Protein backbone atom coordinates (compact mmCIF):
# COMPACT_ATOMS: atom_id res chain seq x y z
CA MET A 1 -28.74 -16.42 -11.03
CA LYS A 2 -29.85 -19.21 -13.26
CA ASN A 3 -27.75 -21.96 -15.27
CA ILE A 4 -24.07 -21.49 -13.41
CA LYS A 5 -21.58 -24.40 -13.15
CA ALA A 6 -19.09 -22.33 -11.87
CA ILE A 7 -18.61 -19.26 -9.30
CA ILE A 8 -14.86 -17.99 -9.34
CA PHE A 9 -13.93 -15.29 -6.73
CA ASP A 10 -11.12 -12.88 -6.66
CA ALA A 11 -8.80 -12.78 -3.64
CA TYR A 12 -7.16 -9.54 -2.65
CA GLY A 13 -9.83 -7.54 -0.95
CA THR A 14 -12.91 -9.66 -1.74
CA LEU A 15 -11.88 -12.63 0.38
CA PHE A 16 -8.71 -11.64 1.81
CA ASP A 17 -8.47 -8.15 3.66
CA VAL A 18 -5.90 -6.21 2.39
CA ASN A 19 -5.19 -3.73 4.95
CA SER A 20 -5.14 -6.14 7.21
CA ALA A 21 -1.20 -6.26 6.66
CA ALA A 22 -0.83 -2.97 7.75
CA GLU A 23 -3.33 -2.88 10.22
CA LYS A 24 -1.00 -5.45 12.63
CA CYS A 25 1.45 -2.98 12.34
CA LYS A 26 -0.54 -0.13 12.95
CA ASP A 27 1.00 0.93 16.56
CA LYS A 28 4.27 0.66 14.82
CA ILE A 29 3.13 3.11 11.79
CA GLY A 30 0.94 5.84 13.33
CA ASN A 31 -2.86 6.90 12.87
CA LYS A 32 -1.07 7.14 8.89
CA TRP A 33 -1.89 3.14 8.52
CA GLU A 34 -4.67 3.69 6.74
CA ASN A 35 -3.98 6.01 4.41
CA PHE A 36 -0.21 4.25 3.93
CA SER A 37 -2.34 0.54 3.37
CA ASN A 38 -4.54 2.66 0.97
CA TYR A 39 -1.71 4.25 -0.92
CA TRP A 40 -0.15 0.64 -0.59
CA ARG A 41 -2.80 -0.87 -2.56
CA THR A 42 -3.50 1.80 -5.46
CA THR A 43 0.11 1.98 -6.65
CA GLN A 44 -0.13 -1.81 -6.27
CA LEU A 45 -2.59 -1.88 -9.22
CA GLU A 46 -1.28 0.74 -10.97
CA TYR A 47 2.25 -0.82 -11.19
CA THR A 48 -0.41 -4.10 -12.60
CA TRP A 49 -1.42 -2.01 -15.22
CA LEU A 50 1.44 -0.24 -15.97
CA ARG A 51 3.26 -3.74 -16.78
CA SER A 52 0.37 -5.36 -18.33
CA LEU A 53 0.66 -2.25 -21.18
CA MET A 54 3.92 -2.36 -21.14
CA THR A 55 4.23 -5.81 -21.66
CA ARG A 56 6.94 -5.56 -19.26
CA HIS A 57 5.60 -8.52 -16.54
CA LYS A 58 7.00 -9.17 -12.89
CA ASP A 59 4.87 -11.63 -10.98
CA PHE A 60 2.99 -10.07 -8.32
CA TRP A 61 5.13 -10.80 -5.48
CA LYS A 62 7.50 -8.74 -6.90
CA VAL A 63 4.93 -5.91 -7.72
CA THR A 64 4.04 -6.13 -3.99
CA GLU A 65 7.49 -4.89 -3.46
CA ASP A 66 8.04 -2.31 -5.74
CA SER A 67 4.97 -1.19 -4.02
CA LEU A 68 5.20 -1.34 -1.22
CA ASP A 69 9.01 0.66 -1.29
CA LYS A 70 7.53 4.02 -2.90
CA SER A 71 4.67 3.74 -0.49
CA MET A 72 7.18 3.64 2.69
CA LYS A 73 8.87 6.95 1.50
CA VAL A 74 5.54 8.52 0.49
CA PHE A 75 4.61 8.36 3.79
CA ASN A 76 7.85 8.21 5.52
CA ILE A 77 7.35 4.61 7.64
CA ASN A 78 10.96 3.09 8.39
CA THR A 79 12.17 0.87 6.53
CA ASP A 80 12.78 -1.81 9.20
CA LEU A 81 9.38 -2.34 9.02
CA ARG A 82 9.75 -3.39 5.79
CA ALA A 83 10.07 -7.13 6.13
CA GLU A 84 7.51 -6.89 8.54
CA LEU A 85 4.90 -6.22 6.54
CA LEU A 86 5.39 -7.86 3.68
CA ASP A 87 5.81 -11.26 6.17
CA LEU A 88 2.12 -10.42 7.15
CA TYR A 89 0.77 -9.94 3.39
CA LYS A 90 1.86 -13.29 2.83
CA ILE A 91 -0.51 -13.99 5.49
CA LEU A 92 -3.72 -11.67 5.36
CA SER A 93 -6.84 -11.96 7.20
CA PRO A 94 -10.02 -13.54 5.67
CA TYR A 95 -13.31 -11.28 6.08
CA PRO A 96 -15.19 -12.17 8.99
CA GLU A 97 -17.97 -14.17 6.67
CA VAL A 98 -15.69 -15.53 4.65
CA LYS A 99 -14.83 -19.21 5.91
CA GLU A 100 -18.70 -19.90 6.49
CA THR A 101 -20.08 -18.98 3.19
CA LEU A 102 -17.28 -21.10 1.29
CA LYS A 103 -18.18 -23.93 3.16
CA LEU A 104 -21.60 -23.55 2.65
CA LEU A 105 -21.65 -23.16 -1.13
CA ARG A 106 -18.40 -26.49 -0.90
CA GLU A 107 -21.42 -28.33 0.41
CA LYS A 108 -23.92 -27.89 -1.95
CA LYS A 109 -21.15 -29.50 -4.13
CA TYR A 110 -22.80 -29.03 -7.93
CA TYR A 111 -20.38 -25.77 -8.15
CA LYS A 112 -17.01 -25.29 -9.23
CA LEU A 113 -15.08 -23.43 -6.94
CA SER A 114 -12.29 -21.67 -8.09
CA ILE A 115 -10.19 -18.71 -7.07
CA LEU A 116 -9.03 -16.62 -10.34
CA SER A 117 -5.70 -14.14 -9.18
CA ASN A 118 -3.60 -11.62 -9.86
CA GLY A 119 -1.53 -13.16 -7.12
CA THR A 120 1.50 -16.38 -7.41
CA PRO A 121 0.04 -19.99 -6.96
CA THR A 122 2.32 -20.12 -3.73
CA LEU A 123 1.20 -16.70 -2.54
CA LEU A 124 -2.35 -17.95 -2.74
CA ASP A 125 -1.60 -21.02 -1.79
CA GLU A 126 0.01 -20.22 1.02
CA LEU A 127 -3.27 -17.49 1.84
CA VAL A 128 -4.82 -20.65 1.50
CA ASN A 129 -3.62 -22.91 3.52
CA ARG A 130 -2.96 -20.99 6.26
CA ASN A 131 -6.09 -19.63 6.33
CA ASN A 132 -8.02 -23.00 6.32
CA LEU A 133 -9.85 -23.16 3.13
CA ASN A 134 -7.52 -26.12 1.16
CA ASP A 135 -10.20 -28.20 1.44
CA ILE A 136 -12.79 -25.39 -0.68
CA PHE A 137 -12.00 -24.53 -3.95
CA ASP A 138 -11.88 -26.68 -7.14
CA ASP A 139 -8.89 -25.11 -8.61
CA ILE A 140 -6.57 -21.80 -8.06
CA PHE A 141 -6.31 -20.11 -11.33
CA SER A 142 -3.34 -16.99 -11.08
CA VAL A 143 -2.14 -15.20 -13.81
CA GLU A 144 1.73 -15.94 -13.76
CA GLU A 145 -0.21 -19.26 -16.73
CA VAL A 146 -0.78 -15.93 -18.94
CA SER A 147 2.17 -13.46 -18.20
CA ILE A 148 -0.26 -10.89 -17.84
CA PHE A 149 -2.33 -8.93 -15.13
CA LYS A 150 -6.61 -8.30 -14.96
CA PRO A 151 -8.15 -7.28 -17.02
CA ASN A 152 -6.54 -9.08 -20.03
CA SER A 153 -9.25 -11.51 -21.27
CA LYS A 154 -6.47 -13.93 -21.53
CA VAL A 155 -6.81 -14.35 -17.61
CA TYR A 156 -11.02 -14.40 -17.58
CA ASP A 157 -10.03 -17.50 -20.49
CA MET A 158 -8.80 -19.95 -18.04
CA PRO A 159 -11.12 -21.27 -16.26
CA ILE A 160 -13.48 -21.05 -19.26
CA LYS A 161 -11.07 -22.96 -21.15
CA LYS A 162 -10.00 -25.80 -18.45
CA TYR A 163 -14.02 -25.98 -17.22
CA ASN A 164 -15.12 -26.39 -20.79
CA ILE A 165 -18.18 -24.13 -20.28
CA LYS A 166 -19.65 -20.91 -21.01
CA GLU A 167 -19.19 -17.23 -19.94
CA LYS A 168 -22.75 -16.52 -19.46
CA GLU A 169 -22.26 -20.20 -17.18
CA VAL A 170 -19.97 -18.26 -14.81
CA ALA A 171 -20.65 -16.75 -11.64
CA PHE A 172 -17.70 -14.00 -11.06
CA LEU A 173 -17.03 -12.20 -7.71
CA SER A 174 -14.65 -9.04 -6.79
CA ALA A 175 -14.53 -6.45 -4.43
CA ASN A 176 -12.42 -4.13 -7.18
CA THR A 177 -15.04 -2.71 -9.56
CA TRP A 178 -12.49 -2.74 -12.54
CA ASP A 179 -12.02 -5.81 -11.98
CA VAL A 180 -15.84 -6.39 -11.78
CA SER A 181 -16.38 -4.64 -15.25
CA GLY A 182 -13.17 -6.48 -16.51
CA GLY A 183 -14.96 -9.58 -16.03
CA GLY A 184 -18.22 -8.76 -17.27
CA ASN A 185 -17.29 -7.03 -20.36
CA TYR A 186 -15.84 -10.36 -21.04
CA GLY A 187 -19.29 -12.49 -20.22
CA PHE A 188 -19.18 -13.65 -17.08
CA LYS A 189 -22.37 -12.62 -15.32
CA ALA A 190 -20.23 -10.68 -12.30
CA ILE A 191 -21.52 -9.51 -8.80
CA TRP A 192 -20.27 -6.91 -7.24
CA VAL A 193 -18.52 -6.78 -3.74
CA ASN A 194 -18.97 -3.50 -2.32
CA ARG A 195 -18.17 -3.24 1.25
CA ASN A 196 -17.36 0.11 1.27
CA ASN A 197 -20.29 1.74 -0.10
CA ALA A 198 -18.54 2.69 -3.25
CA ILE A 199 -19.06 4.12 -6.30
CA PHE A 200 -18.84 2.25 -9.05
CA ASP A 201 -16.56 3.09 -12.34
CA ASN A 202 -17.64 3.96 -15.77
CA LEU A 203 -16.15 1.07 -17.63
CA ASP A 204 -18.72 0.08 -20.01
CA TYR A 205 -20.51 -2.72 -17.00
CA THR A 206 -22.97 -2.07 -14.83
CA PRO A 207 -23.19 -5.62 -12.40
CA GLU A 208 -26.75 -7.23 -12.08
CA ASN A 209 -26.04 -7.97 -8.72
CA GLU A 210 -24.50 -6.22 -6.20
CA ILE A 211 -23.92 -7.36 -2.47
CA ASN A 212 -22.46 -5.71 1.08
CA ASN A 213 -21.02 -8.70 1.69
CA LEU A 214 -20.09 -12.79 0.91
CA LYS A 215 -22.44 -14.50 2.82
CA GLN A 216 -25.10 -12.32 0.39
CA LEU A 217 -24.12 -14.58 -2.54
CA LEU A 218 -26.26 -17.25 -1.07
CA GLU A 219 -29.63 -15.53 -1.60
CA ILE A 220 -28.55 -15.36 -5.18
CA ILE A 221 -26.72 -18.19 -6.38
């Protein structure tokens, strides 16, 4: 991959494990914890897309709360767990290889490294700081700057304008196929982090590169 000036990462599901909050409560939730967690995540994403289409923006934290409330009703989860699950969501665990890979990229110094996420600035700052990644990133871009969620092109515009670079000079990584398609159709060189051997969506984009974990980025960048 040539002529890359910025490496931009999605946060949720790419750097940080969105299932780690529910997993830490699995003894209280029971064996349905993973299905519940996946439903919470799916509902959360659906709400971001629907709110963007309706132009009824709420920030990502409020969307996370709303989608949790529905998910807890669907799976009959004790509402006493609500506060605990939300607190754990604020400090999601990174995937095992993330810290080492990011530090190796940072040592190269000739790339801009940033996060581009649906998350609020407060949520993202806490995630980065609690996981000791605060010296890694040049910028953390939040959709709150444009008040619409991915995959709207206004979101992908932000780093292009900040760094004054071309779309094809960005390597964009996401584990979410719709986000890879969004960034790729925008013009980024999008890389799919396919952690779960999933099938790519049919959204008029096929990524040039697919990796199973972030460490494999070092082999192609």
